[in-house]
Amino acid sequence: MENGPAIFAGMVFCLFGGGLLAWIATSVRRHRPVAHGVSQVASVTVASLVSLASLVVGAWCFTWL
């Protein structure tokens, strides 16, 4: 992968994962639902796994530099 696309993709994945983690933490702290119509535990678990996977993919993109 070339440097330009690797930097862009890594930043997009890391910003998305970090933003999603911040949103999950804020929602849980304020006792608001993370996803409407889904149990709190299931929605927090799935959203956390997606955000962590996004952060891992972002870190993997940065290893291609």
Protein backbone atom coordinates (compact mmCIF):
# COMPACT_ATOMS: atom_id res chain seq x y z
CA MET A 1 0.00 0.00 0.00
CA GLU A 2 1.27 3.47 -0.79
CA ASN A 3 1.84 6.00 1.98
CA GLY A 4 -0.97 8.41 1.07
CA PRO A 5 -3.83 5.90 1.03
CA ALA A 6 -2.45 4.10 4.08
CA ILE A 7 -2.38 7.31 6.10
CA PHE A 8 -5.89 8.29 4.97
CA ALA A 9 -7.40 4.87 5.64
CA GLY A 10 -5.64 4.57 9.00
CA MET A 11 -6.88 7.97 10.12
CA VAL A 12 -10.45 7.25 9.00
CA PHE A 13 -10.58 3.93 10.83
CA CYS A 14 -8.95 5.34 13.98
CA LEU A 15 -11.20 8.41 14.07
CA PHE A 16 -14.29 6.27 13.59
CA GLY A 17 -13.25 3.77 16.26
CA GLY A 18 -12.29 6.46 18.74
CA GLY A 19 -15.46 8.44 18.11
CA LEU A 20 -17.61 5.36 18.52
CA LEU A 21 -15.89 4.45 21.79
CA ALA A 22 -16.42 7.99 23.09
CA TRP A 23 -20.09 7.87 22.09
CA ILE A 24 -20.57 4.49 23.80
CA ALA A 25 -18.93 5.75 27.00
CA THR A 26 -21.07 8.90 27.01
CA SER A 27 -24.27 6.94 26.38
CA VAL A 28 -23.53 4.41 29.12
CA ARG A 29 -22.55 7.11 31.62
CA ARG A 30 -25.80 9.02 30.99
CA HIS A 31 -27.89 5.79 31.09
CA ARG A 32 -29.10 6.33 27.53
CA PRO A 33 -29.57 3.52 25.01
CA VAL A 34 -26.74 2.82 22.62
CA ALA A 35 -29.19 1.32 20.10
CA HIS A 36 -32.97 1.68 20.30
CA GLY A 37 -34.94 -1.53 20.60
CA VAL A 38 -31.96 -3.67 21.64
CA SER A 39 -30.87 -4.67 25.13
CA GLN A 40 -28.26 -2.39 26.70
CA VAL A 41 -25.72 -5.18 27.21
CA ALA A 42 -25.97 -6.51 23.66
CA SER A 43 -25.77 -3.08 22.03
CA VAL A 44 -22.77 -2.00 24.14
CA THR A 45 -20.99 -5.28 23.41
CA VAL A 46 -21.51 -5.20 19.65
CA ALA A 47 -20.70 -1.49 19.35
CA SER A 48 -17.54 -1.93 21.45
CA LEU A 49 -16.38 -4.85 19.31
CA VAL A 50 -16.96 -2.84 16.13
CA SER A 51 -15.04 0.15 17.50
CA LEU A 52 -12.14 -2.00 18.68
CA ALA A 53 -12.02 -3.77 15.31
CA SER A 54 -11.93 -0.39 13.59
CA LEU A 55 -9.04 0.73 15.80
CA VAL A 56 -7.15 -2.49 15.04
CA VAL A 57 -7.65 -2.05 11.29
CA GLY A 58 -6.49 1.57 11.59
CA ALA A 59 -3.36 0.50 13.43
CA TRP A 60 -2.75 -2.19 10.81
CA CYS A 61 -2.96 0.46 8.07
CA PHE A 62 -0.33 2.51 9.87
CA THR A 63 2.05 -0.46 9.89
CA TRP A 64 2.19 -0.23 6.06
CA LEU A 65 3.97 3.11 6.18
